[in-house]
Structures are given as C-alpha cells and as structure tokens.
N, C-alpha and C. Protein backbone atom coordinates (compact mmCIF):
# COMPACT_ATOMS: atom_id res chain seq x y z
N MET A 1 -12.43 15.19 5.05
CA MET A 1 -11.14 14.78 5.50
C MET A 1 -11.52 13.44 6.06
N ALA A 2 -12.35 13.30 7.17
CA ALA A 2 -12.75 11.90 7.86
C ALA A 2 -13.69 11.30 6.86
N GLY A 3 -13.50 9.96 6.27
CA GLY A 3 -14.32 9.41 5.53
C GLY A 3 -13.99 7.91 5.52
N LYS A 4 -14.34 7.37 4.58
CA LYS A 4 -13.95 5.64 4.53
C LYS A 4 -12.46 5.54 4.37
N PRO A 5 -11.88 4.55 5.04
CA PRO A 5 -10.49 4.07 5.03
C PRO A 5 -10.10 3.89 3.42
N MET A 6 -8.74 4.26 3.32
CA MET A 6 -8.37 3.91 1.92
C MET A 6 -7.95 2.39 1.67
N THR A 7 -8.50 1.92 0.48
CA THR A 7 -8.43 0.46 0.57
C THR A 7 -6.98 0.13 -0.08
N LYS A 8 -6.74 -1.18 -0.04
CA LYS A 8 -5.34 -1.59 -0.46
C LYS A 8 -5.17 -1.29 -2.08
N ALA A 9 -6.44 -1.42 -2.80
CA ALA A 9 -6.33 -1.37 -4.17
C ALA A 9 -6.14 0.34 -4.27
N GLU A 10 -6.79 1.23 -3.49
CA GLU A 10 -6.61 2.54 -3.92
C GLU A 10 -5.29 3.10 -3.71
N MET A 11 -4.67 2.44 -2.43
CA MET A 11 -3.25 2.78 -2.17
C MET A 11 -2.16 2.24 -3.38
N ILE A 12 -2.41 1.23 -4.01
CA ILE A 12 -1.78 0.69 -5.29
C ILE A 12 -1.80 1.82 -6.26
N ASP A 13 -3.07 2.18 -6.39
CA ASP A 13 -3.28 3.05 -7.47
C ASP A 13 -2.44 4.46 -7.35
N LYS A 14 -2.60 4.85 -6.18
CA LYS A 14 -1.89 6.14 -5.63
C LYS A 14 -0.21 5.92 -5.90
N ILE A 15 0.36 4.82 -5.33
CA ILE A 15 1.49 4.40 -5.42
C ILE A 15 2.06 4.49 -6.96
N ALA A 16 1.36 3.66 -7.66
CA ALA A 16 1.71 3.81 -8.95
C ALA A 16 1.66 4.96 -9.90
N SER A 17 0.91 5.93 -9.47
CA SER A 17 0.83 7.20 -9.87
C SER A 17 1.77 7.99 -9.58
N LYS A 18 1.97 8.05 -8.10
CA LYS A 18 3.02 9.09 -7.74
C LYS A 18 4.50 8.69 -7.92
N ALA A 19 4.81 7.35 -8.20
CA ALA A 19 6.11 6.85 -8.58
C ALA A 19 6.09 6.60 -10.03
N ASP A 20 5.29 6.82 -10.68
CA ASP A 20 5.18 6.49 -12.17
C ASP A 20 5.74 5.18 -12.34
N ILE A 21 5.01 4.08 -11.73
CA ILE A 21 5.42 2.62 -12.03
C ILE A 21 4.21 1.83 -12.23
N SER A 22 4.11 0.77 -12.64
CA SER A 22 3.13 -0.04 -12.97
C SER A 22 2.54 -0.32 -11.74
N LYS A 23 0.98 -0.68 -11.89
CA LYS A 23 0.17 -1.21 -10.86
C LYS A 23 0.85 -2.47 -10.12
N ARG A 24 1.37 -3.36 -11.07
CA ARG A 24 1.88 -4.47 -10.63
C ARG A 24 3.03 -4.19 -9.77
N ALA A 25 3.98 -3.28 -10.00
CA ALA A 25 5.15 -2.94 -9.32
C ALA A 25 4.72 -2.43 -7.90
N ALA A 26 3.79 -1.48 -7.96
CA ALA A 26 3.39 -0.87 -6.91
C ALA A 26 2.72 -1.93 -5.79
N LYS A 27 1.90 -2.89 -6.40
CA LYS A 27 1.43 -3.63 -5.38
C LYS A 27 2.57 -4.70 -5.03
N ASP A 28 3.32 -5.27 -5.77
CA ASP A 28 4.66 -5.88 -5.07
C ASP A 28 5.43 -5.04 -4.06
N ALA A 29 5.53 -3.64 -4.05
CA ALA A 29 6.42 -3.05 -3.40
C ALA A 29 5.62 -2.80 -2.08
N LEU A 30 4.28 -2.62 -2.09
CA LEU A 30 3.46 -2.56 -1.02
C LEU A 30 3.32 -3.95 -0.14
N GLU A 31 3.18 -4.84 -0.84
CA GLU A 31 3.18 -6.29 -0.30
C GLU A 31 4.58 -6.48 0.50
N ALA A 32 5.56 -6.07 -0.05
CA ALA A 32 6.99 -6.50 0.48
C ALA A 32 7.03 -5.42 1.66
N PHE A 33 6.58 -4.21 1.63
CA PHE A 33 6.76 -3.31 2.95
C PHE A 33 5.94 -3.88 3.95
N VAL A 34 4.65 -4.28 3.76
CA VAL A 34 3.84 -4.86 4.75
C VAL A 34 4.44 -6.11 5.36
N GLU A 35 5.01 -6.96 4.46
CA GLU A 35 5.53 -8.40 5.08
C GLU A 35 6.80 -7.95 5.74
N ILE A 36 7.65 -7.08 5.37
CA ILE A 36 8.80 -6.66 5.99
C ILE A 36 8.41 -6.03 7.49
N CYS A 37 7.62 -5.17 7.57
CA CYS A 37 6.93 -4.45 8.72
C CYS A 37 6.43 -5.68 9.89
N ARG A 38 5.53 -6.64 9.22
CA ARG A 38 5.07 -7.60 9.95
C ARG A 38 6.02 -8.51 10.68
N ASP A 39 6.99 -8.79 9.70
CA ASP A 39 7.87 -9.89 10.31
C ASP A 39 8.96 -9.20 11.34
N GLU A 40 9.32 -7.95 10.96
CA GLU A 40 10.32 -7.23 11.87
C GLU A 40 9.64 -6.96 13.45
N VAL A 41 8.20 -6.33 13.25
CA VAL A 41 7.85 -6.23 14.52
C VAL A 41 7.31 -7.27 15.23
N MET A 42 7.15 -8.46 14.68
CA MET A 42 6.50 -9.71 15.40
C MET A 42 7.80 -10.34 16.07
N ALA A 43 9.21 -9.98 15.29
CA ALA A 43 10.26 -10.64 15.95
C ALA A 43 10.71 -9.72 17.16
N GLY A 44 10.03 -8.69 17.44
CA GLY A 44 10.32 -7.78 18.43
C GLY A 44 11.28 -6.58 18.05
N GLY A 45 11.23 -6.34 16.69
CA GLY A 45 12.10 -5.12 16.22
C GLY A 45 11.12 -3.94 16.10
N THR A 46 11.83 -2.99 15.65
CA THR A 46 11.06 -1.62 15.42
C THR A 46 11.43 -1.17 13.93
N ILE A 47 10.24 -0.52 13.53
CA ILE A 47 10.61 -0.01 12.09
C ILE A 47 10.40 1.53 12.22
N ARG A 48 11.35 2.24 11.68
CA ARG A 48 11.06 3.71 11.76
C ARG A 48 11.22 4.20 10.22
N VAL A 49 10.05 5.02 9.80
CA VAL A 49 9.84 5.33 8.68
C VAL A 49 10.12 6.90 8.75
N ALA A 50 11.09 7.69 8.16
CA ALA A 50 11.33 8.76 8.36
C ALA A 50 10.18 9.71 7.71
N GLY A 51 9.58 10.68 8.32
CA GLY A 51 8.66 11.53 7.82
C GLY A 51 7.32 11.04 8.01
N LEU A 52 7.24 9.70 8.77
CA LEU A 52 5.94 9.09 8.83
C LEU A 52 5.79 8.64 10.42
N GLY A 53 6.38 7.67 10.93
CA GLY A 53 6.40 7.34 12.20
C GLY A 53 7.14 5.82 12.37
N THR A 54 6.99 5.39 13.59
CA THR A 54 7.69 4.31 14.19
C THR A 54 6.45 3.15 14.34
N PHE A 55 6.80 1.88 13.85
CA PHE A 55 5.86 0.59 14.06
C PHE A 55 6.63 -0.18 15.11
N SER A 56 5.97 -0.62 16.25
CA SER A 56 6.76 -1.22 17.19
C SER A 56 5.81 -2.49 17.71
N LEU A 57 6.11 -3.37 18.55
CA LEU A 57 5.22 -4.25 19.29
C LEU A 57 5.18 -3.81 20.62
N LYS A 58 3.93 -3.81 21.21
CA LYS A 58 3.58 -3.43 22.51
C LYS A 58 2.84 -4.68 23.10
N GLU A 59 3.08 -4.80 24.37
CA GLU A 59 2.30 -5.73 25.12
C GLU A 59 1.65 -5.41 26.31
N SER A 60 0.26 -5.66 26.44
CA SER A 60 -0.53 -5.05 27.58
C SER A 60 -0.47 -6.11 28.60
N ALA A 61 -0.29 -5.83 29.88
CA ALA A 61 -0.45 -6.64 31.09
C ALA A 61 -1.68 -7.36 31.32
N PRO A 62 -1.51 -8.44 31.81
CA PRO A 62 -3.12 -9.02 32.04
C PRO A 62 -3.73 -8.11 32.95
N ARG A 63 -5.06 -8.19 33.17
CA ARG A 63 -5.82 -7.41 33.97
C ARG A 63 -7.06 -7.85 34.58
N GLN A 64 -7.72 -7.49 35.32
CA GLN A 64 -9.16 -7.91 35.75
C GLN A 64 -10.27 -7.05 34.85
N GLY A 65 -11.19 -7.99 34.53
CA GLY A 65 -12.09 -7.35 33.67
C GLY A 65 -13.75 -7.78 34.31
N VAL A 66 -14.61 -7.26 33.47
CA VAL A 66 -15.96 -7.80 34.15
C VAL A 66 -16.79 -8.31 33.01
N ASN A 67 -17.32 -9.56 32.90
CA ASN A 67 -18.07 -10.24 31.96
C ASN A 67 -19.46 -9.35 31.91
N PRO A 68 -19.80 -8.71 30.76
CA PRO A 68 -20.91 -7.88 30.67
C PRO A 68 -22.17 -8.45 30.83
N ALA A 69 -22.24 -9.79 30.43
CA ALA A 69 -23.45 -10.57 30.61
C ALA A 69 -24.07 -11.03 31.86
N THR A 70 -22.57 -11.49 32.70
CA THR A 70 -22.78 -11.99 34.05
C THR A 70 -22.36 -11.15 35.20
N ARG A 71 -21.62 -10.13 34.82
CA ARG A 71 -21.25 -9.23 35.78
C ARG A 71 -20.33 -9.69 36.79
N LYS A 72 -19.56 -10.89 36.26
CA LYS A 72 -18.75 -11.62 37.02
C LYS A 72 -17.34 -11.25 36.68
N PRO A 73 -16.25 -11.09 37.75
CA PRO A 73 -15.05 -10.89 37.25
C PRO A 73 -14.32 -11.84 36.45
N ILE A 74 -13.33 -11.36 35.54
CA ILE A 74 -12.69 -12.37 34.49
C ILE A 74 -11.35 -11.78 34.55
N GLU A 75 -10.58 -12.78 34.01
CA GLU A 75 -9.14 -12.46 34.11
C GLU A 75 -9.02 -12.19 32.54
N ILE A 76 -8.42 -11.03 32.07
CA ILE A 76 -8.00 -10.72 30.88
C ILE A 76 -6.61 -10.80 30.48
N THR A 77 -6.10 -11.85 29.57
CA THR A 77 -4.97 -12.14 29.46
C THR A 77 -4.04 -11.33 28.80
N ALA A 78 -2.71 -11.14 28.84
CA ALA A 78 -1.80 -10.29 28.24
C ALA A 78 -1.87 -10.42 26.85
N LYS A 79 -1.79 -9.28 25.95
CA LYS A 79 -1.89 -9.51 24.57
C LYS A 79 -0.72 -8.58 24.01
N LYS A 80 -0.33 -9.02 22.83
CA LYS A 80 0.61 -8.31 21.87
C LYS A 80 -0.14 -7.52 20.84
N ARG A 81 0.30 -6.33 20.61
CA ARG A 81 -0.26 -5.59 19.57
C ARG A 81 0.87 -4.86 18.82
N MET A 82 0.57 -4.52 17.35
CA MET A 82 1.51 -3.78 16.77
C MET A 82 0.96 -2.23 17.10
N ALA A 83 2.08 -1.32 17.30
CA ALA A 83 1.67 0.19 17.60
C ALA A 83 2.33 0.85 16.75
N PHE A 84 1.66 2.07 16.67
CA PHE A 84 2.28 2.88 15.56
C PHE A 84 2.42 4.36 16.41
N LYS A 85 3.53 4.96 16.22
CA LYS A 85 3.82 6.52 16.86
C LYS A 85 4.18 7.27 15.68
N MET A 86 3.29 8.43 15.65
CA MET A 86 3.49 9.24 14.44
C MET A 86 4.85 10.05 14.61
N SER A 87 5.39 10.69 13.57
CA SER A 87 6.64 11.33 13.91
C SER A 87 6.31 12.72 14.28
N ALA A 88 7.28 13.23 14.62
CA ALA A 88 6.87 14.66 14.88
C ALA A 88 6.75 15.63 13.85
N GLN A 89 7.14 15.29 12.67
CA GLN A 89 6.78 15.88 11.54
C GLN A 89 5.34 15.86 11.16
N VAL A 90 4.68 14.55 11.25
CA VAL A 90 3.40 14.28 10.88
C VAL A 90 2.57 14.89 12.05
N ARG A 91 2.98 14.95 13.27
CA ARG A 91 2.22 15.70 14.35
C ARG A 91 2.10 16.97 14.21
N ASP A 92 3.06 17.62 13.68
CA ASP A 92 3.21 18.99 13.27
C ASP A 92 2.18 19.32 12.20
N MET A 93 2.33 18.72 11.31
CA MET A 93 1.47 18.67 10.07
C MET A 93 -0.25 18.63 10.61
N LEU A 94 -0.51 17.74 11.43
CA LEU A 94 -1.71 17.83 12.05
C LEU A 94 -2.28 18.66 12.80
N ASN A 95 -1.57 19.67 13.51
CA ASN A 95 -1.78 20.60 14.61
C ASN A 95 -1.27 21.95 14.12
C-alpha cells in the first residue's frame, strides 16, 4: 500500500483506461482539472469533489522560530498553502 507516489504519467494511463478514452484526452482532462483547482483556490475559492474531499486555501499566521545554525530567534512570515480535507466517505474507507 505505501510506496512511491503515483506520477502524472501513471495517473493519465489510469484515467485513460478507466474512462476508455485516449491518453491525450486523459492528459487534457487532468491538466484542465489541475488548472481549475489551482486558479480557484488561489482566488480564495474552495473546490469540493464529491467522494474525494475539499481543496481550499489556508493561511498560516506569522510566528517566532529559531535559526538552527545560530540559535537566534527569527520571524517566520505568514504563508498561504493549498489544503485538502478528505470527505467522510474516504475517511470511512481508510478506517
């Protein structure tokens, strides 16, 4: 179960096989999905994929850290990141 992450090429192959479409069509669909998710989340939106989960934008607050080389305190700036929360259906399948 745990192993190397699935590559984009492997995902395209699986999409093409499951949907019975060409690899080119699968590649175009995957790239469109990724672009839509990225654009929507970066604009502050949320993407909910039924049966999978929700992609959203999360922002961490600025905080104090320590430089490991000098042991001096440093200010770590706020950062934005894309977050994923799995659906209850996926959570139930995993547990």
